[in-house]
Amino acid sequence: MRSVDEHKQQAPASVACQVITVSDTRSPDNDTSGKLMMELLENGGFSVVDYRIVKDDYEALRNLLHESSEDKKIEAVLLTGGTGISPRDTTYEAVRSMLSLGKELPGFGELFRYLSFTEDIGSAAILSRAMAGVIGETAIFSMPGSSGAVKLAMERIILPELRHIMRELYKA
């Protein structure tokens, strides 16, 4: 048996997740990306313990990530939105500044952009600033706000590996 398969067998059965949509315009009624993320998590056997829509505000995002990483009922934080390059997009900067307290997982953003390039949007993938990492024992994933980006990230990367990531974080 490959060690990665062994690790996945030793992983927790479920992970308690917080879903955060970063947007100045979305509401619970029109947040298709946040709803899709929650549906995919729940269908995958994960629990959604908190859902929020927040404005794309650097300090507010940093504060929320700090609070979430300290909250023992939240094991993973999944953000959608605010990862572009427009002046108001600050999710990347806020997440990156908080990951300086932990560890970045550069492979997530690299793989997301590769899959986006080959399967979805072509060279426009260079505009994505998707990223992931850990703060303490909390996994953090930040992805673009489109439903297509959420579907790709969730189905191809996050759902297959989230339990494995948590197993690694919980190792003594």
N, C-alpha and C. Protein backbone atom coordinates (compact mmCIF):
# COMPACT_ATOMS: atom_id res chain seq x y z
N MET A 1 0.84 -1.18 0.00
CA MET A 1 0.00 0.00 0.00
C MET A 1 0.90 1.25 0.00
N ARG A 2 0.55 2.21 -0.83
CA ARG A 2 1.30 3.47 -0.86
C ARG A 2 1.07 4.23 0.43
N SER A 3 2.09 4.99 0.86
CA SER A 3 1.96 5.72 2.12
C SER A 3 0.84 6.75 2.06
N VAL A 4 0.61 7.36 0.91
CA VAL A 4 -0.48 8.34 0.82
C VAL A 4 -1.83 7.66 1.05
N ASP A 5 -2.00 6.45 0.55
CA ASP A 5 -3.24 5.71 0.78
C ASP A 5 -3.38 5.35 2.26
N GLU A 6 -2.28 4.96 2.87
CA GLU A 6 -2.29 4.65 4.30
C GLU A 6 -2.66 5.89 5.12
N HIS A 7 -2.09 7.03 4.75
CA HIS A 7 -2.40 8.28 5.45
C HIS A 7 -3.88 8.62 5.33
N LYS A 8 -4.43 8.44 4.13
CA LYS A 8 -5.85 8.75 3.93
C LYS A 8 -6.74 7.82 4.75
N GLN A 9 -6.32 6.57 4.92
CA GLN A 9 -7.09 5.65 5.75
C GLN A 9 -7.07 6.06 7.22
N GLN A 10 -6.02 6.72 7.64
CA GLN A 10 -5.87 7.15 9.03
C GLN A 10 -6.47 8.53 9.27
N ALA A 11 -7.00 9.14 8.25
CA ALA A 11 -7.53 10.50 8.34
C ALA A 11 -8.88 10.53 9.05
N PRO A 12 -9.25 11.68 9.60
CA PRO A 12 -10.56 11.79 10.27
C PRO A 12 -11.70 11.56 9.28
N ALA A 13 -12.81 11.07 9.80
CA ALA A 13 -13.97 10.77 8.96
C ALA A 13 -14.65 12.03 8.43
N SER A 14 -14.57 13.11 9.19
CA SER A 14 -15.20 14.36 8.77
C SER A 14 -14.34 15.52 9.24
N VAL A 15 -14.59 16.67 8.68
CA VAL A 15 -13.88 17.90 9.04
C VAL A 15 -14.92 19.00 9.19
N ALA A 16 -14.82 19.78 10.26
CA ALA A 16 -15.74 20.89 10.51
C ALA A 16 -15.25 22.12 9.75
N CYS A 17 -16.07 22.61 8.83
CA CYS A 17 -15.63 23.67 7.92
C CYS A 17 -16.42 24.97 8.11
N GLN A 18 -15.72 26.06 7.88
CA GLN A 18 -16.33 27.38 7.81
C GLN A 18 -16.24 27.83 6.36
N VAL A 19 -17.34 28.30 5.81
CA VAL A 19 -17.37 28.81 4.44
C VAL A 19 -17.54 30.32 4.51
N ILE A 20 -16.64 31.01 3.82
CA ILE A 20 -16.67 32.48 3.79
C ILE A 20 -16.71 32.94 2.34
N THR A 21 -17.74 33.69 1.99
CA THR A 21 -17.80 34.32 0.68
C THR A 21 -17.35 35.76 0.87
N VAL A 22 -16.35 36.15 0.12
CA VAL A 22 -15.82 37.51 0.18
C VAL A 22 -16.39 38.28 -1.01
N SER A 23 -17.26 39.23 -0.73
CA SER A 23 -17.91 39.97 -1.81
C SER A 23 -18.54 41.24 -1.28
N ASP A 24 -18.50 42.25 -2.11
CA ASP A 24 -19.17 43.50 -1.80
C ASP A 24 -20.60 43.52 -2.35
N THR A 25 -20.96 42.49 -3.14
CA THR A 25 -22.26 42.50 -3.82
C THR A 25 -23.13 41.27 -3.55
N ARG A 26 -22.58 40.20 -3.04
CA ARG A 26 -23.37 38.98 -2.86
C ARG A 26 -24.15 39.00 -1.56
N SER A 27 -25.27 38.29 -1.60
CA SER A 27 -26.13 38.10 -0.43
C SER A 27 -26.43 36.61 -0.34
N PRO A 28 -27.02 36.16 0.76
CA PRO A 28 -27.37 34.74 0.83
C PRO A 28 -28.27 34.28 -0.32
N ASP A 29 -29.05 35.18 -0.89
CA ASP A 29 -29.93 34.81 -2.00
C ASP A 29 -29.20 34.58 -3.31
N ASN A 30 -28.11 35.30 -3.56
CA ASN A 30 -27.43 35.16 -4.85
C ASN A 30 -25.99 34.65 -4.73
N ASP A 31 -25.64 34.08 -3.60
CA ASP A 31 -24.29 33.56 -3.40
C ASP A 31 -24.19 32.12 -3.93
N THR A 32 -24.14 32.00 -5.23
CA THR A 32 -24.09 30.66 -5.84
C THR A 32 -22.80 29.92 -5.50
N SER A 33 -21.69 30.61 -5.41
CA SER A 33 -20.42 29.94 -5.11
C SER A 33 -20.39 29.41 -3.68
N GLY A 34 -20.83 30.22 -2.73
CA GLY A 34 -20.86 29.77 -1.33
C GLY A 34 -21.82 28.60 -1.15
N LYS A 35 -22.99 28.69 -1.79
CA LYS A 35 -23.96 27.60 -1.70
C LYS A 35 -23.39 26.32 -2.31
N LEU A 36 -22.73 26.43 -3.46
CA LEU A 36 -22.13 25.27 -4.11
C LEU A 36 -21.06 24.65 -3.21
N MET A 37 -20.24 25.48 -2.60
CA MET A 37 -19.20 24.98 -1.72
C MET A 37 -19.80 24.20 -0.55
N MET A 38 -20.84 24.76 0.06
CA MET A 38 -21.48 24.07 1.19
C MET A 38 -22.12 22.76 0.74
N GLU A 39 -22.76 22.76 -0.41
CA GLU A 39 -23.38 21.54 -0.93
C GLU A 39 -22.33 20.46 -1.19
N LEU A 40 -21.22 20.83 -1.81
CA LEU A 40 -20.16 19.87 -2.10
C LEU A 40 -19.54 19.34 -0.81
N LEU A 41 -19.33 20.20 0.17
CA LEU A 41 -18.79 19.75 1.45
C LEU A 41 -19.73 18.75 2.12
N GLU A 42 -20.99 19.11 2.22
CA GLU A 42 -21.95 18.25 2.90
C GLU A 42 -22.14 16.92 2.16
N ASN A 43 -22.19 16.96 0.83
CA ASN A 43 -22.30 15.72 0.04
C ASN A 43 -21.05 14.86 0.18
N GLY A 44 -19.91 15.50 0.49
CA GLY A 44 -18.66 14.78 0.66
C GLY A 44 -18.45 14.25 2.08
N GLY A 45 -19.42 14.45 2.95
CA GLY A 45 -19.32 13.95 4.32
C GLY A 45 -18.67 14.90 5.30
N PHE A 46 -18.51 16.15 4.90
CA PHE A 46 -17.95 17.16 5.78
C PHE A 46 -19.08 17.96 6.41
N SER A 47 -18.79 18.65 7.50
CA SER A 47 -19.83 19.48 8.12
C SER A 47 -19.49 20.95 7.93
N VAL A 48 -20.52 21.75 7.71
CA VAL A 48 -20.37 23.20 7.62
C VAL A 48 -20.88 23.75 8.94
N VAL A 49 -19.96 24.27 9.75
CA VAL A 49 -20.33 24.76 11.08
C VAL A 49 -20.54 26.27 11.10
N ASP A 50 -20.14 26.96 10.03
CA ASP A 50 -20.34 28.40 9.96
C ASP A 50 -20.29 28.84 8.51
N TYR A 51 -21.14 29.79 8.17
CA TYR A 51 -21.19 30.37 6.82
C TYR A 51 -21.36 31.86 6.96
N ARG A 52 -20.53 32.60 6.22
CA ARG A 52 -20.61 34.07 6.28
C ARG A 52 -20.35 34.67 4.91
N ILE A 53 -20.94 35.82 4.71
CA ILE A 53 -20.59 36.67 3.57
C ILE A 53 -19.99 37.92 4.17
N VAL A 54 -18.77 38.26 3.76
CA VAL A 54 -18.08 39.43 4.30
C VAL A 54 -17.60 40.33 3.16
N LYS A 55 -17.49 41.59 3.46
CA LYS A 55 -16.95 42.55 2.49
C LYS A 55 -15.46 42.26 2.27
N ASP A 56 -14.97 42.63 1.10
CA ASP A 56 -13.56 42.45 0.79
C ASP A 56 -12.78 43.59 1.46
N ASP A 57 -12.46 43.38 2.72
CA ASP A 57 -11.77 44.36 3.54
C ASP A 57 -10.60 43.67 4.22
N TYR A 58 -9.41 44.14 3.94
CA TYR A 58 -8.17 43.50 4.40
C TYR A 58 -8.16 43.25 5.91
N GLU A 59 -8.37 44.26 6.71
CA GLU A 59 -8.30 44.11 8.17
C GLU A 59 -9.41 43.22 8.70
N ALA A 60 -10.62 43.37 8.17
CA ALA A 60 -11.73 42.53 8.62
C ALA A 60 -11.46 41.06 8.30
N LEU A 61 -10.90 40.79 7.13
CA LEU A 61 -10.57 39.41 6.77
C LEU A 61 -9.49 38.84 7.67
N ARG A 62 -8.46 39.63 7.93
CA ARG A 62 -7.39 39.18 8.83
C ARG A 62 -7.96 38.85 10.22
N ASN A 63 -8.80 39.73 10.73
CA ASN A 63 -9.39 39.50 12.05
C ASN A 63 -10.25 38.24 12.06
N LEU A 64 -11.05 38.05 11.01
CA LEU A 64 -11.91 36.87 10.92
C LEU A 64 -11.06 35.59 10.84
N LEU A 65 -10.00 35.61 10.04
CA LEU A 65 -9.13 34.43 9.94
C LEU A 65 -8.46 34.14 11.27
N HIS A 66 -8.07 35.17 11.99
CA HIS A 66 -7.47 34.96 13.31
C HIS A 66 -8.48 34.31 14.24
N GLU A 67 -9.69 34.86 14.29
CA GLU A 67 -10.74 34.30 15.14
C GLU A 67 -11.05 32.86 14.76
N SER A 68 -11.16 32.60 13.47
CA SER A 68 -11.50 31.26 13.00
C SER A 68 -10.41 30.26 13.34
N SER A 69 -9.15 30.67 13.23
CA SER A 69 -8.05 29.75 13.53
C SER A 69 -7.94 29.45 15.02
N GLU A 70 -8.52 30.30 15.84
CA GLU A 70 -8.51 30.09 17.29
C GLU A 70 -9.75 29.31 17.77
N ASP A 71 -10.76 29.23 16.92
CA ASP A 71 -12.02 28.57 17.28
C ASP A 71 -11.87 27.07 17.10
N LYS A 72 -11.92 26.33 18.19
CA LYS A 72 -11.68 24.88 18.17
C LYS A 72 -12.77 24.10 17.42
N LYS A 73 -13.94 24.71 17.18
CA LYS A 73 -14.96 23.98 16.43
C LYS A 73 -14.80 24.13 14.91
N ILE A 74 -13.84 24.96 14.48
CA ILE A 74 -13.56 25.14 13.05
C ILE A 74 -12.21 24.51 12.74
N GLU A 75 -12.22 23.52 11.85
CA GLU A 75 -10.97 22.85 11.46
C GLU A 75 -10.43 23.34 10.12
N ALA A 76 -11.32 23.79 9.25
CA ALA A 76 -10.90 24.27 7.94
C ALA A 76 -11.75 25.48 7.56
N VAL A 77 -11.10 26.47 6.96
CA VAL A 77 -11.76 27.67 6.48
C VAL A 77 -11.62 27.69 4.96
N LEU A 78 -12.75 27.81 4.27
CA LEU A 78 -12.76 27.85 2.81
C LEU A 78 -13.34 29.17 2.38
N LEU A 79 -12.54 29.97 1.68
CA LEU A 79 -12.96 31.29 1.22
C LEU A 79 -13.15 31.27 -0.28
N THR A 80 -14.16 31.98 -0.75
CA THR A 80 -14.37 32.17 -2.17
C THR A 80 -14.54 33.65 -2.44
N GLY A 81 -13.80 34.15 -3.41
CA GLY A 81 -13.92 35.55 -3.80
C GLY A 81 -12.75 36.42 -3.36
N GLY A 82 -12.59 37.51 -4.07
CA GLY A 82 -11.57 38.50 -3.71
C GLY A 82 -10.15 38.12 -4.06
N THR A 83 -9.97 37.14 -4.95
CA THR A 83 -8.61 36.67 -5.26
C THR A 83 -8.08 37.24 -6.57
N GLY A 84 -8.83 38.11 -7.20
CA GLY A 84 -8.40 38.68 -8.48
C GLY A 84 -7.35 39.77 -8.29
N ILE A 85 -7.18 40.56 -9.35
CA ILE A 85 -6.14 41.59 -9.32
C ILE A 85 -6.70 43.01 -9.32
N SER A 86 -8.03 43.15 -9.20
CA SER A 86 -8.58 44.50 -9.17
C SER A 86 -8.18 45.17 -7.86
N PRO A 87 -8.16 46.48 -7.81
CA PRO A 87 -7.73 47.19 -6.60
C PRO A 87 -8.51 46.80 -5.34
N ARG A 88 -9.77 46.42 -5.48
CA ARG A 88 -10.55 46.09 -4.29
C ARG A 88 -10.36 44.64 -3.83
N ASP A 89 -9.68 43.80 -4.60
CA ASP A 89 -9.43 42.41 -4.23
C ASP A 89 -8.29 42.32 -3.22
N THR A 90 -8.64 42.04 -1.96
CA THR A 90 -7.60 41.98 -0.92
C THR A 90 -7.55 40.64 -0.19
N THR A 91 -8.35 39.68 -0.64
CA THR A 91 -8.38 38.39 0.04
C THR A 91 -6.99 37.75 0.05
N TYR A 92 -6.32 37.76 -1.09
CA TYR A 92 -5.00 37.15 -1.18
C TYR A 92 -4.04 37.76 -0.16
N GLU A 93 -4.01 39.08 -0.10
CA GLU A 93 -3.10 39.75 0.83
C GLU A 93 -3.43 39.42 2.28
N ALA A 94 -4.72 39.39 2.61
CA ALA A 94 -5.13 39.10 3.98
C ALA A 94 -4.78 37.66 4.35
N VAL A 95 -5.09 36.72 3.47
CA VAL A 95 -4.77 35.31 3.75
C VAL A 95 -3.27 35.12 3.84
N ARG A 96 -2.54 35.66 2.90
CA ARG A 96 -1.08 35.49 2.90
C ARG A 96 -0.46 36.06 4.18
N SER A 97 -0.94 37.20 4.62
CA SER A 97 -0.37 37.79 5.84
C SER A 97 -0.63 36.89 7.05
N MET A 98 -1.77 36.22 7.08
CA MET A 98 -2.08 35.31 8.19
C MET A 98 -1.30 34.00 8.06
N LEU A 99 -1.03 33.57 6.83
CA LEU A 99 -0.26 32.34 6.65
C LEU A 99 1.19 32.53 7.07
N SER A 100 1.62 33.78 7.21
CA SER A 100 2.98 34.01 7.71
C SER A 100 3.12 33.49 9.14
N LEU A 101 1.98 33.29 9.82
CA LEU A 101 1.98 32.72 11.17
C LEU A 101 2.00 31.19 11.12
N GLY A 102 1.77 30.63 9.96
CA GLY A 102 1.70 29.18 9.81
C GLY A 102 2.54 28.71 8.64
N LYS A 103 1.92 27.93 7.78
CA LYS A 103 2.63 27.37 6.63
C LYS A 103 1.77 27.51 5.39
N GLU A 104 2.39 27.92 4.31
CA GLU A 104 1.69 28.00 3.03
C GLU A 104 1.78 26.65 2.34
N LEU A 105 0.73 26.32 1.59
CA LEU A 105 0.72 25.13 0.74
C LEU A 105 0.72 25.60 -0.71
N PRO A 106 1.90 25.94 -1.25
CA PRO A 106 1.94 26.52 -2.59
C PRO A 106 1.41 25.58 -3.67
N GLY A 107 1.45 24.28 -3.43
CA GLY A 107 0.96 23.33 -4.41
C GLY A 107 -0.51 23.51 -4.74
N PHE A 108 -1.31 23.99 -3.78
CA PHE A 108 -2.73 24.20 -4.04
C PHE A 108 -2.92 25.22 -5.16
N GLY A 109 -2.32 26.39 -5.01
CA GLY A 109 -2.47 27.42 -6.04
C GLY A 109 -1.88 27.00 -7.37
N GLU A 110 -0.73 26.33 -7.31
CA GLU A 110 -0.09 25.87 -8.54
C GLU A 110 -0.98 24.87 -9.27
N LEU A 111 -1.50 23.88 -8.53
CA LEU A 111 -2.35 22.86 -9.14
C LEU A 111 -3.66 23.47 -9.62
N PHE A 112 -4.24 24.38 -8.83
CA PHE A 112 -5.48 25.02 -9.25
C PHE A 112 -5.27 25.76 -10.57
N ARG A 113 -4.21 26.53 -10.68
CA ARG A 113 -3.95 27.27 -11.92
C ARG A 113 -3.68 26.33 -13.09
N TYR A 114 -2.98 25.24 -12.84
CA TYR A 114 -2.72 24.26 -13.91
C TYR A 114 -4.04 23.66 -14.40
N LEU A 115 -4.87 23.21 -13.48
CA LEU A 115 -6.16 22.63 -13.86
C LEU A 115 -7.04 23.66 -14.55
N SER A 116 -7.04 24.89 -14.05
CA SER A 116 -7.81 25.97 -14.68
C SER A 116 -7.34 26.19 -16.11
N PHE A 117 -6.04 26.17 -16.31
CA PHE A 117 -5.46 26.38 -17.63
C PHE A 117 -5.84 25.26 -18.58
N THR A 118 -5.68 24.02 -18.14
CA THR A 118 -5.87 22.88 -19.03
C THR A 118 -7.34 22.49 -19.22
N GLU A 119 -8.19 22.75 -18.22
CA GLU A 119 -9.56 22.25 -18.28
C GLU A 119 -10.62 23.32 -18.43
N ASP A 120 -10.24 24.57 -18.25
CA ASP A 120 -11.32 25.55 -18.13
C ASP A 120 -11.06 26.84 -18.88
N ILE A 121 -10.14 27.66 -18.39
CA ILE A 121 -10.09 29.03 -18.89
C ILE A 121 -8.82 29.38 -19.66
N GLY A 122 -7.94 28.43 -19.88
CA GLY A 122 -6.74 28.71 -20.65
C GLY A 122 -5.80 29.68 -19.94
N SER A 123 -5.18 30.54 -20.73
CA SER A 123 -4.14 31.42 -20.18
C SER A 123 -4.67 32.44 -19.18
N ALA A 124 -5.95 32.66 -19.11
CA ALA A 124 -6.52 33.57 -18.09
C ALA A 124 -6.27 33.03 -16.68
N ALA A 125 -5.82 31.79 -16.56
CA ALA A 125 -5.51 31.20 -15.25
C ALA A 125 -4.43 32.00 -14.53
N ILE A 126 -3.61 32.75 -15.26
CA ILE A 126 -2.56 33.53 -14.59
C ILE A 126 -3.13 34.62 -13.71
N LEU A 127 -4.40 34.97 -13.91
CA LEU A 127 -5.03 36.01 -13.10
C LEU A 127 -5.48 35.51 -11.73
N SER A 128 -5.46 34.18 -11.53
CA SER A 128 -5.92 33.62 -10.27
C SER A 128 -4.85 33.70 -9.20
N ARG A 129 -5.28 34.11 -8.02
CA ARG A 129 -4.37 34.13 -6.87
C ARG A 129 -4.90 33.20 -5.79
N ALA A 130 -5.37 32.03 -6.23
CA ALA A 130 -5.82 30.99 -5.28
C ALA A 130 -4.63 30.57 -4.44
N MET A 131 -4.89 30.29 -3.15
CA MET A 131 -3.80 29.86 -2.27
C MET A 131 -4.37 29.08 -1.10
N ALA A 132 -3.48 28.37 -0.43
CA ALA A 132 -3.89 27.59 0.74
C ALA A 132 -2.72 27.50 1.71
N GLY A 133 -3.06 27.10 2.92
CA GLY A 133 -2.04 26.92 3.94
C GLY A 133 -2.69 26.54 5.26
N VAL A 134 -1.92 26.66 6.32
CA VAL A 134 -2.43 26.33 7.64
C VAL A 134 -2.02 27.42 8.63
N ILE A 135 -2.91 27.67 9.56
CA ILE A 135 -2.62 28.52 10.70
C ILE A 135 -2.87 27.65 11.92
N GLY A 136 -1.82 27.29 12.62
CA GLY A 136 -1.97 26.36 13.74
C GLY A 136 -2.44 25.02 13.24
N GLU A 137 -3.64 24.61 13.68
CA GLU A 137 -4.23 23.35 13.22
C GLU A 137 -5.45 23.60 12.33
N THR A 138 -5.53 24.79 11.74
CA THR A 138 -6.65 25.15 10.88
C THR A 138 -6.17 25.25 9.44
N ALA A 139 -6.80 24.47 8.56
CA ALA A 139 -6.49 24.54 7.13
C ALA A 139 -7.24 25.72 6.52
N ILE A 140 -6.58 26.43 5.62
CA ILE A 140 -7.17 27.60 4.96
C ILE A 140 -7.07 27.40 3.45
N PHE A 141 -8.19 27.57 2.75
CA PHE A 141 -8.21 27.50 1.29
C PHE A 141 -8.90 28.74 0.76
N SER A 142 -8.26 29.42 -0.17
CA SER A 142 -8.81 30.63 -0.76
C SER A 142 -8.87 30.44 -2.27
N MET A 143 -10.06 30.59 -2.83
CA MET A 143 -10.23 30.35 -4.26
C MET A 143 -11.07 31.47 -4.88
N PRO A 144 -11.05 31.57 -6.20
CA PRO A 144 -11.84 32.61 -6.87
C PRO A 144 -13.33 32.49 -6.58
N GLY A 145 -14.06 33.55 -6.90
CA GLY A 145 -15.47 33.62 -6.58
C GLY A 145 -16.43 33.01 -7.58
N SER A 146 -15.96 32.56 -8.72
CA SER A 146 -16.88 31.97 -9.69
C SER A 146 -17.26 30.55 -9.29
N SER A 147 -18.47 30.15 -9.64
CA SER A 147 -18.92 28.79 -9.34
C SER A 147 -18.05 27.75 -10.04
N GLY A 148 -17.60 28.06 -11.24
CA GLY A 148 -16.73 27.13 -11.96
C GLY A 148 -15.42 26.91 -11.23
N ALA A 149 -14.85 27.99 -10.69
CA ALA A 149 -13.59 27.88 -9.95
C ALA A 149 -13.79 27.08 -8.67
N VAL A 150 -14.91 27.34 -7.98
CA VAL A 150 -15.20 26.61 -6.74
C VAL A 150 -15.38 25.12 -7.04
N LYS A 151 -16.13 24.80 -8.08
CA LYS A 151 -16.37 23.39 -8.45
C LYS A 151 -15.04 22.70 -8.75
N LEU A 152 -14.19 23.34 -9.53
CA LEU A 152 -12.90 22.77 -9.88
C LEU A 152 -12.04 22.55 -8.64
N ALA A 153 -11.89 23.58 -7.83
CA ALA A 153 -11.04 23.47 -6.64
C ALA A 153 -11.57 22.43 -5.67
N MET A 154 -12.86 22.43 -5.46
CA MET A 154 -13.45 21.50 -4.50
C MET A 154 -13.36 20.06 -4.98
N GLU A 155 -13.82 19.80 -6.20
CA GLU A 155 -13.89 18.42 -6.69
C GLU A 155 -12.52 17.82 -7.01
N ARG A 156 -11.63 18.63 -7.51
CA ARG A 156 -10.35 18.07 -7.98
C ARG A 156 -9.23 18.14 -6.94
N ILE A 157 -9.35 19.05 -5.95
CA ILE A 157 -8.24 19.21 -5.01
C ILE A 157 -8.69 19.09 -3.56
N ILE A 158 -9.60 19.93 -3.13
CA ILE A 158 -9.91 20.04 -1.70
C ILE A 158 -10.62 18.80 -1.16
N LEU A 159 -11.71 18.39 -1.78
CA LEU A 159 -12.45 17.24 -1.26
C LEU A 159 -11.60 15.97 -1.22
N PRO A 160 -10.80 15.69 -2.25
CA PRO A 160 -9.97 14.47 -2.18
C PRO A 160 -8.87 14.54 -1.12
N GLU A 161 -8.44 15.74 -0.71
CA GLU A 161 -7.27 15.84 0.18
C GLU A 161 -7.54 16.42 1.56
N LEU A 162 -8.71 16.97 1.82
CA LEU A 162 -8.94 17.67 3.08
C LEU A 162 -8.75 16.77 4.30
N ARG A 163 -9.28 15.58 4.28
CA ARG A 163 -9.09 14.66 5.42
C ARG A 163 -7.61 14.36 5.62
N HIS A 164 -6.90 14.13 4.53
CA HIS A 164 -5.47 13.84 4.58
C HIS A 164 -4.70 15.02 5.19
N ILE A 165 -5.06 16.22 4.78
CA ILE A 165 -4.42 17.42 5.34
C ILE A 165 -4.64 17.48 6.84
N MET A 166 -5.87 17.22 7.26
CA MET A 166 -6.17 17.28 8.70
C MET A 166 -5.41 16.19 9.46
N ARG A 167 -5.26 15.03 8.87
CA ARG A 167 -4.48 13.96 9.51
C ARG A 167 -3.05 14.44 9.76
N GLU A 168 -2.49 15.11 8.78
CA GLU A 168 -1.12 15.61 8.92
C GLU A 168 -1.04 16.71 9.99
N LEU A 169 -2.04 17.56 10.04
CA LEU A 169 -2.04 18.63 11.04
C LEU A 169 -2.18 18.09 12.45
N TYR A 170 -2.88 16.99 12.61
CA TYR A 170 -3.13 16.44 13.93
C TYR A 170 -2.05 15.47 14.41
N LYS A 171 -1.08 15.17 13.54
CA LYS A 171 0.00 14.27 13.95
C LYS A 171 0.77 14.86 15.11
N ALA A 172 1.15 13.99 16.04
CA ALA A 172 1.94 14.46 17.22
C ALA A 172 3.38 14.70 16.84
